[in-house]
Each structure stands twice: as structure tokens, then as C-alpha cells.
C-alpha atoms as a PDB file:
ATOM      1  CA  MET A   1     -18.972  -2.474 -36.625  1.00  0.00           C
ATOM      2  CA  LYS A   2     -17.663   0.551 -34.731  1.00  0.00           C
ATOM      3  CA  LEU A   3     -21.210   1.856 -34.324  1.00  0.00           C
ATOM      4  CA  ILE A   4     -22.419  -1.485 -32.940  1.00  0.00           C
ATOM      5  CA  ARG A   5     -19.563  -1.626 -30.421  1.00  0.00           C
ATOM      6  CA  TRP A   6     -20.243   1.965 -29.357  1.00  0.00           C
ATOM      7  CA  LEU A   7     -23.966   1.254 -28.972  1.00  0.00           C
ATOM      8  CA  LEU A   8     -23.378  -1.941 -26.985  1.00  0.00           C
ATOM      9  CA  GLY A   9     -20.921  -0.084 -24.762  1.00  0.00           C
ATOM     10  CA  ARG A  10     -23.532   2.565 -23.985  1.00  0.00           C
ATOM     11  CA  ILE A  11     -26.133  -0.110 -23.194  1.00  0.00           C
ATOM     12  CA  ILE A  12     -23.691  -1.802 -20.816  1.00  0.00           C
ATOM     13  CA  LEU A  13     -22.983   1.525 -19.095  1.00  0.00           C
ATOM     14  CA  LEU A  14     -26.717   2.261 -18.792  1.00  0.00           C
ATOM     15  CA  VAL A  15     -27.502  -1.143 -17.267  1.00  0.00           C
ATOM     16  CA  ASN A  16     -24.559  -0.726 -14.897  1.00  0.00           C
ATOM     17  CA  ALA A  17     -25.808   2.711 -13.817  1.00  0.00           C
ATOM     18  CA  LEU A  18     -29.356   1.421 -13.274  1.00  0.00           C
ATOM     19  CA  THR A  19     -28.298  -1.643 -11.263  1.00  0.00           C
ATOM     20  CA  PRO A  20     -25.392  -0.643  -9.001  1.00  0.00           C
ATOM     21  CA  PRO A  21     -24.173  -3.290  -6.545  1.00  0.00           C
ATOM     22  CA  LYS A  22     -24.447  -2.675  -2.811  1.00  0.00           C
ATOM     23  CA  SER A  23     -21.151  -1.882  -1.127  1.00  0.00           C
ATOM     24  CA  LEU A  24     -19.774  -4.007   1.678  1.00  0.00           C
ATOM     25  CA  GLN A  25     -20.136  -2.211   5.019  1.00  0.00           C
ATOM     26  CA  ARG A  26     -17.132  -2.101   7.349  1.00  0.00           C
ATOM     27  CA  THR A  27     -16.320  -0.341  10.584  1.00  0.00           C
ATOM     28  CA  PRO A  28     -14.631   3.033   9.994  1.00  0.00           C
ATOM     29  CA  GLU A  29     -11.355   1.640  11.353  1.00  0.00           C
ATOM     30  CA  ARG A  30     -11.431  -1.384   9.054  1.00  0.00           C
ATOM     31  CA  GLN A  31     -12.393   0.786   6.072  1.00  0.00           C
ATOM     32  CA  GLN A  32      -9.405   3.006   6.815  1.00  0.00           C
ATOM     33  CA  GLN A  33      -7.132  -0.074   6.753  1.00  0.00           C
ATOM     34  CA  VAL A  34      -8.649  -1.217   3.457  1.00  0.00           C
ATOM     35  CA  ASP A  35      -8.244   2.260   1.977  1.00  0.00           C
ATOM     36  CA  LYS A  36      -4.563   2.216   2.923  1.00  0.00           C
ATOM     37  CA  GLN A  37      -4.114  -1.217   1.329  1.00  0.00           C
ATOM     38  CA  THR A  38      -5.793  -0.149  -1.909  1.00  0.00           C
ATOM     39  CA  GLN A  39      -3.419   2.793  -2.359  1.00  0.00           C
ATOM     40  CA  SER A  40      -0.987   0.308  -3.916  1.00  0.00           C
ATOM     41  CA  LEU A  41      -3.547  -0.775  -6.546  1.00  0.00           C
ATOM     42  CA  ALA A  42      -4.615   0.789  -9.845  1.00  0.00           C
ATOM     43  CA  LEU A  43      -7.024  -0.529 -12.465  1.00  0.00           C
ATOM     44  CA  TYR A  44      -6.210   0.227 -16.097  1.00  0.00           C
ATOM     45  CA  GLN A  45      -9.506   0.110 -17.953  1.00  0.00           C
ATOM     46  CA  PHE A  46     -11.760   1.350 -20.739  1.00  0.00           C
ATOM     47  CA  GLU A  47     -15.037   2.941 -19.694  1.00  0.00           C
ATOM     48  CA  ALA A  48     -17.406   0.826 -21.814  1.00  0.00           C
ATOM     49  CA  CYS A  49     -15.486  -2.477 -21.819  1.00  0.00           C
ATOM     50  CA  PRO A  50     -17.822  -5.168 -20.402  1.00  0.00           C
ATOM     51  CA  PHE A  51     -14.957  -6.937 -18.622  1.00  0.00           C
ATOM     52  CA  CYS A  52     -13.860  -3.643 -17.069  1.00  0.00           C
ATOM     53  CA  VAL A  53     -17.440  -3.016 -15.926  1.00  0.00           C
ATOM     54  CA  LYS A  54     -17.369  -6.459 -14.307  1.00  0.00           C
ATOM     55  CA  VAL A  55     -14.241  -5.524 -12.316  1.00  0.00           C
ATOM     56  CA  ARG A  56     -15.538  -2.047 -11.429  1.00  0.00           C
ATOM     57  CA  ARG A  57     -18.721  -3.670 -10.075  1.00  0.00           C
ATOM     58  CA  GLN A  58     -16.582  -5.936  -7.885  1.00  0.00           C
ATOM     59  CA  ILE A  59     -14.647  -2.890  -6.675  1.00  0.00           C
ATOM     60  CA  LYS A  60     -17.941  -1.175  -5.803  1.00  0.00           C
ATOM     61  CA  ARG A  61     -19.345  -4.341  -4.178  1.00  0.00           C
ATOM     62  CA  LEU A  62     -16.271  -4.631  -1.956  1.00  0.00           C
ATOM     63  CA  GLY A  63     -16.227  -0.901  -1.141  1.00  0.00           C
ATOM     64  CA  LEU A  64     -12.700  -0.380  -2.463  1.00  0.00           C
ATOM     65  CA  GLY A  65     -11.049   2.919  -3.320  1.00  0.00           C
ATOM     66  CA  ILE A  66      -8.932   1.661  -6.200  1.00  0.00           C
ATOM     67  CA  GLU A  67      -7.672   4.294  -8.619  1.00  0.00           C
ATOM     68  CA  LEU A  68      -9.170   3.890 -12.103  1.00  0.00           C
ATOM     69  CA  ARG A  69      -6.847   4.730 -14.988  1.00  0.00           C
ATOM     70  CA  ASP A  70      -8.271   5.308 -18.459  1.00  0.00           C
ATOM     71  CA  ALA A  71      -5.996   3.365 -20.815  1.00  0.00           C
ATOM     72  CA  LYS A  72      -8.007   4.333 -23.882  1.00  0.00           C
ATOM     73  CA  ASN A  73      -8.043   8.142 -23.800  1.00  0.00           C
ATOM     74  CA  ASP A  74      -5.110   8.924 -21.500  1.00  0.00           C
ATOM     75  CA  LEU A  75      -1.909   8.344 -23.451  1.00  0.00           C
ATOM     76  CA  GLN A  76       0.249   8.417 -20.313  1.00  0.00           C
ATOM     77  CA  HIS A  77      -1.740   5.585 -18.730  1.00  0.00           C
ATOM     78  CA  GLN A  78      -1.718   3.718 -22.034  1.00  0.00           C
ATOM     79  CA  ALA A  79       2.089   4.034 -22.187  1.00  0.00           C
ATOM     80  CA  GLU A  80       2.437   2.877 -18.544  1.00  0.00           C
ATOM     81  CA  LEU A  81       0.328  -0.189 -19.292  1.00  0.00           C
ATOM     82  CA  GLN A  82       2.346  -0.994 -22.418  1.00  0.00           C
ATOM     83  CA  ALA A  83       5.706  -0.495 -20.680  1.00  0.00           C
ATOM     84  CA  GLY A  84       4.836  -2.275 -17.431  1.00  0.00           C
ATOM     85  CA  GLY A  85       2.402  -4.977 -18.440  1.00  0.00           C
ATOM     86  CA  GLY A  86       3.776  -5.535 -21.909  1.00  0.00           C
ATOM     87  CA  ARG A  87       0.530  -4.877 -23.769  1.00  0.00           C
ATOM     88  CA  VAL A  88      -2.439  -2.540 -23.878  1.00  0.00           C
ATOM     89  CA  LYS A  89      -5.103  -4.984 -22.771  1.00  0.00           C
ATOM     90  CA  VAL A  90      -7.793  -4.232 -20.219  1.00  0.00           C
ATOM     91  CA  PRO A  91      -8.778  -4.731 -17.531  1.00  0.00           C
ATOM     92  CA  CYS A  92      -5.376  -4.845 -15.884  1.00  0.00           C
ATOM     93  CA  LEU A  93      -4.804  -4.469 -12.156  1.00  0.00           C
ATOM     94  CA  ARG A  94      -1.447  -2.997 -11.183  1.00  0.00           C
ATOM     95  CA  ILE A  95      -0.369  -4.308  -7.782  1.00  0.00           C
ATOM     96  CA  ASP A  96       2.627  -2.673  -6.098  1.00  0.00           C
ATOM     97  CA  GLN A  97       3.857  -4.778  -3.176  1.00  0.00           C
ATOM     98  CA  ARG A  98       7.007  -5.179  -1.149  1.00  0.00           C
ATOM     99  CA  ASN A  99       9.089  -8.303  -1.712  1.00  0.00           C
ATOM    100  CA  GLU A 100      11.159 -10.083   0.938  1.00  0.00           C
ATOM    101  CA  GLN A 101      14.017  -7.598   0.472  1.00  0.00           C
ATOM    102  CA  GLY A 102      11.645  -4.686   1.094  1.00  0.00           C
ATOM    103  CA  GLU A 103      11.751  -3.491  -2.514  1.00  0.00           C
ATOM    104  CA  ILE A 104       8.603  -2.531  -4.397  1.00  0.00           C
ATOM    105  CA  GLN A 105       7.623  -5.198  -6.906  1.00  0.00           C
ATOM    106  CA  THR A 106       4.918  -4.521  -9.498  1.00  0.00           C
ATOM    107  CA  ILE A 107       2.563  -7.255 -10.639  1.00  0.00           C
ATOM    108  CA  TRP A 108       0.352  -6.702 -13.683  1.00  0.00           C
ATOM    109  CA  MET A 109      -2.774  -8.862 -13.433  1.00  0.00           C
ATOM    110  CA  TYR A 110      -4.916  -9.276 -16.543  1.00  0.00           C
ATOM    111  CA  GLU A 111      -8.279 -11.086 -16.914  1.00  0.00           C
ATOM    112  CA  SER A 112     -11.383  -9.886 -15.122  1.00  0.00           C
ATOM    113  CA  SER A 113     -12.080 -13.211 -13.391  1.00  0.00           C
ATOM    114  CA  ASP A 114      -8.544 -13.368 -11.981  1.00  0.00           C
ATOM    115  CA  ILE A 115      -8.750  -9.756 -10.809  1.00  0.00           C
ATOM    116  CA  ASN A 116     -12.143 -10.310  -9.159  1.00  0.00           C
ATOM    117  CA  ALA A 117     -10.913 -13.477  -7.432  1.00  0.00           C
ATOM    118  CA  TYR A 118      -7.837 -11.620  -6.137  1.00  0.00           C
ATOM    119  CA  LEU A 119      -9.933  -8.711  -4.836  1.00  0.00           C
ATOM    120  CA  ALA A 120     -12.404 -11.058  -3.139  1.00  0.00           C
ATOM    121  CA  LYS A 121      -9.572 -13.020  -1.503  1.00  0.00           C
ATOM    122  CA  GLU A 122      -7.852  -9.860  -0.235  1.00  0.00           C
ATOM    123  CA  PHE A 123     -10.830  -7.703   0.756  1.00  0.00           C
ATOM    124  CA  ALA A 124     -14.052  -9.695   1.181  1.00  0.00           C
ATOM    125  CA  ASN A 125     -13.471 -10.233   4.931  1.00  0.00           C
END
């Protein structure tokens, strides 16, 4: 079973590499604003996870500079995901935002469809 999962993961990565999405084009000023906004985001992911590939393709399509954190091989990122999100499940988007009191609040968003919808809502314009 492990061999099948590994093989399928490699096929997914190959197809992804052969069919990259086109990135959204923005003015340099707007791209700079988007880059600043995405500094508060991080995607915890596994390289060959099909749902993670789905989110990474959305990130590429929207031209976003979101930090990718390997939650499979990097034990520090794995521990952060477990401590903050409550479980080691990927993909997970970490969103750091200010609340009404001006304090940083962290939201842990799981599920690829939810993450993609959030990214489209925030950055598709």
C-alpha cells in the first residue's frame, strides 16, 4: 500500500509539473500590496498530497507568495501544526490577523476547498 501511495504521489507531482496554472497578472504596486498581505499566511502541507497540490495550484494561479511549510519531514512545522491547529492534517492554512483589540489572532483553516475559496475571496481581485 505504501508503494502505491508513493507512486500515485509521484504521478500527481509529475502532472502538476507538466501542467502549471498561469499566474494572475497585477500591477507592481498591487502585487506589492498582495505580497505584504500574504506575509501573515503559511500553508502546512505534504509535497505529494493531492489536496495540497490543489491548494498550491490555487496559490500559483493567484500569484501569491505564501510560505509553504513541510509538515511531513520538518518536525518543527509538524509540532506547530499539532500545537496550533490541534492535529497534523494537511493542507492547513495558518492565518495571522489582528482582532478588534489589535492583538494577533491565529486561525487554522483545514480543507482544500475552504482554503481555495478563502484565497479566491481575498486575492482574486
